[in-house]
Amino acid sequence: MSLEGLNGESNGVEHANGRPSAERAPRFLEMLEERRYFDCPYCMTRISTVIDLGGGRNQSFTEDCEVCCRPIAIHVAIREEGIVGFLAEPES
């Protein structure tokens, strides 16, 4: 299956499992994710995580620090206007 332009011509981007296989995702899909920078609560190094804006209004997940490898509990509140709350704390 290939993406088709408005005039019915293929643009050459093939799909696998319903997702574009192009190197870069379409712009509307990029807007569903946002990179958030924060300081690791253990080693205080500036790191980042990618938030899935389509993953629900209130999200909680654990991600390991890229530097010290300790677990960080991340809590995110999302509304129509985007991320309205973000907390990164030591995993308990």
C-alpha atoms as a PDB file:
ATOM      1  CA  MET A   1       0.000   0.000   0.000  1.00  0.00           C
ATOM      2  CA  SER A   2       1.318   3.499  -0.718  1.00  0.00           C
ATOM      3  CA  LEU A   3       0.291   7.008   0.230  1.00  0.00           C
ATOM      4  CA  GLU A   4      -1.552   8.764  -2.544  1.00  0.00           C
ATOM      5  CA  GLY A   5      -1.649  12.460  -3.297  1.00  0.00           C
ATOM      6  CA  LEU A   6      -4.854  14.365  -3.820  1.00  0.00           C
ATOM      7  CA  ASN A   7      -4.701  13.638  -7.529  1.00  0.00           C
ATOM      8  CA  GLY A   8      -4.403   9.875  -6.926  1.00  0.00           C
ATOM      9  CA  GLU A   9      -0.674   9.638  -7.672  1.00  0.00           C
ATOM     10  CA  SER A  10       1.577   7.688  -5.328  1.00  0.00           C
ATOM     11  CA  ASN A  11       4.273   9.615  -3.468  1.00  0.00           C
ATOM     12  CA  GLY A  12       6.380   6.478  -3.032  1.00  0.00           C
ATOM     13  CA  VAL A  13       6.071   6.180   0.760  1.00  0.00           C
ATOM     14  CA  GLU A  14       5.222   2.597   1.631  1.00  0.00           C
ATOM     15  CA  HIS A  15       3.213   1.582   4.690  1.00  0.00           C
ATOM     16  CA  ALA A  16       3.950  -1.296   7.042  1.00  0.00           C
ATOM     17  CA  ASN A  17       1.302  -2.061   9.654  1.00  0.00           C
ATOM     18  CA  GLY A  18      -0.461   1.211   8.900  1.00  0.00           C
ATOM     19  CA  ARG A  19       2.549   3.424   9.680  1.00  0.00           C
ATOM     20  CA  PRO A  20       4.600   5.368   7.142  1.00  0.00           C
ATOM     21  CA  SER A  21       7.995   3.840   6.526  1.00  0.00           C
ATOM     22  CA  ALA A  22       9.581   7.144   5.538  1.00  0.00           C
ATOM     23  CA  GLU A  23      12.558   8.249   7.601  1.00  0.00           C
ATOM     24  CA  ARG A  24      10.578  11.168   9.052  1.00  0.00           C
ATOM     25  CA  ALA A  25       7.021  10.873  10.342  1.00  0.00           C
ATOM     26  CA  PRO A  26       4.349  13.159   8.905  1.00  0.00           C
ATOM     27  CA  ARG A  27       4.054  16.526  10.665  1.00  0.00           C
ATOM     28  CA  PHE A  28       0.672  15.723  12.232  1.00  0.00           C
ATOM     29  CA  LEU A  29       2.223  12.699  13.975  1.00  0.00           C
ATOM     30  CA  GLU A  30       5.165  14.761  15.278  1.00  0.00           C
ATOM     31  CA  MET A  31       2.734  17.037  17.089  1.00  0.00           C
ATOM     32  CA  LEU A  32       1.560  14.086  19.206  1.00  0.00           C
ATOM     33  CA  GLU A  33       4.922  13.977  20.996  1.00  0.00           C
ATOM     34  CA  GLU A  34       6.811  16.591  22.950  1.00  0.00           C
ATOM     35  CA  ARG A  35      10.357  16.424  24.306  1.00  0.00           C
ATOM     36  CA  ARG A  36      10.626  17.646  27.912  1.00  0.00           C
ATOM     37  CA  TYR A  37      13.963  18.528  29.534  1.00  0.00           C
ATOM     38  CA  PHE A  38      14.486  18.173  33.287  1.00  0.00           C
ATOM     39  CA  ASP A  39      17.174  17.553  35.911  1.00  0.00           C
ATOM     40  CA  CYS A  40      17.691  14.012  37.187  1.00  0.00           C
ATOM     41  CA  PRO A  41      16.601  14.009  40.853  1.00  0.00           C
ATOM     42  CA  TYR A  42      19.648  11.867  41.739  1.00  0.00           C
ATOM     43  CA  CYS A  43      22.666  13.195  39.831  1.00  0.00           C
ATOM     44  CA  MET A  44      21.166  16.568  38.748  1.00  0.00           C
ATOM     45  CA  THR A  45      22.232  16.038  35.116  1.00  0.00           C
ATOM     46  CA  ARG A  46      20.014  17.710  32.498  1.00  0.00           C
ATOM     47  CA  ILE A  47      18.256  14.917  30.576  1.00  0.00           C
ATOM     48  CA  SER A  48      15.109  14.594  28.497  1.00  0.00           C
ATOM     49  CA  THR A  49      12.159  12.357  27.799  1.00  0.00           C
ATOM     50  CA  VAL A  50       9.547  12.247  25.056  1.00  0.00           C
ATOM     51  CA  ILE A  51       5.939  12.633  26.173  1.00  0.00           C
ATOM     52  CA  ASP A  52       3.194  10.970  24.118  1.00  0.00           C
ATOM     53  CA  LEU A  53       0.520  13.687  24.019  1.00  0.00           C
ATOM     54  CA  GLY A  54      -2.026  11.143  22.778  1.00  0.00           C
ATOM     55  CA  GLY A  55      -1.391   8.748  25.675  1.00  0.00           C
ATOM     56  CA  GLY A  56      -4.026  10.111  28.049  1.00  0.00           C
ATOM     57  CA  ARG A  57      -4.717  13.155  30.196  1.00  0.00           C
ATOM     58  CA  ASN A  58      -2.737  11.942  33.231  1.00  0.00           C
ATOM     59  CA  GLN A  59       0.305   9.787  32.650  1.00  0.00           C
ATOM     60  CA  SER A  60       2.811   8.192  35.016  1.00  0.00           C
ATOM     61  CA  PHE A  61       5.781   6.131  33.946  1.00  0.00           C
ATOM     62  CA  THR A  62       9.311   5.233  35.019  1.00  0.00           C
ATOM     63  CA  GLU A  63      12.390   6.058  32.988  1.00  0.00           C
ATOM     64  CA  ASP A  64      16.031   5.448  33.899  1.00  0.00           C
ATOM     65  CA  CYS A  65      18.459   8.374  33.966  1.00  0.00           C
ATOM     66  CA  GLU A  66      20.717   8.318  30.898  1.00  0.00           C
ATOM     67  CA  VAL A  67      23.740   9.112  33.096  1.00  0.00           C
ATOM     68  CA  CYS A  68      23.391   7.451  36.522  1.00  0.00           C
ATOM     69  CA  CYS A  69      20.851   4.759  35.426  1.00  0.00           C
ATOM     70  CA  ARG A  70      18.628   5.231  38.483  1.00  0.00           C
ATOM     71  CA  PRO A  71      14.835   5.029  38.051  1.00  0.00           C
ATOM     72  CA  ILE A  72      12.874   8.283  37.802  1.00  0.00           C
ATOM     73  CA  ALA A  73       9.099   8.446  38.290  1.00  0.00           C
ATOM     74  CA  ILE A  74       7.606  10.855  35.755  1.00  0.00           C
ATOM     75  CA  HIS A  75       4.090  12.264  36.122  1.00  0.00           C
ATOM     76  CA  VAL A  76       2.484  14.350  33.360  1.00  0.00           C
ATOM     77  CA  ALA A  77      -0.849  16.197  33.099  1.00  0.00           C
ATOM     78  CA  ILE A  78      -2.034  16.935  29.559  1.00  0.00           C
ATOM     79  CA  ARG A  79      -4.940  19.074  28.426  1.00  0.00           C
ATOM     80  CA  GLU A  80      -6.067  20.405  25.055  1.00  0.00           C
ATOM     81  CA  GLU A  81      -3.423  23.161  25.163  1.00  0.00           C
ATOM     82  CA  GLY A  82      -0.611  20.647  25.786  1.00  0.00           C
ATOM     83  CA  ILE A  83       1.401  19.710  28.882  1.00  0.00           C
ATOM     84  CA  VAL A  84       0.111  21.623  31.915  1.00  0.00           C
ATOM     85  CA  GLY A  85       1.948  19.676  34.642  1.00  0.00           C
ATOM     86  CA  PHE A  86       5.248  17.786  34.805  1.00  0.00           C
ATOM     87  CA  LEU A  87       7.000  16.184  37.794  1.00  0.00           C
ATOM     88  CA  ALA A  88      10.159  14.038  37.799  1.00  0.00           C
ATOM     89  CA  GLU A  89      10.991  12.498  41.180  1.00  0.00           C
ATOM     90  CA  PRO A  90      12.987   9.572  42.594  1.00  0.00           C
ATOM     91  CA  GLU A  91      11.197   6.267  42.098  1.00  0.00           C
ATOM     92  CA  SER A  92       9.895   4.998  45.428  1.00  0.00           C
END
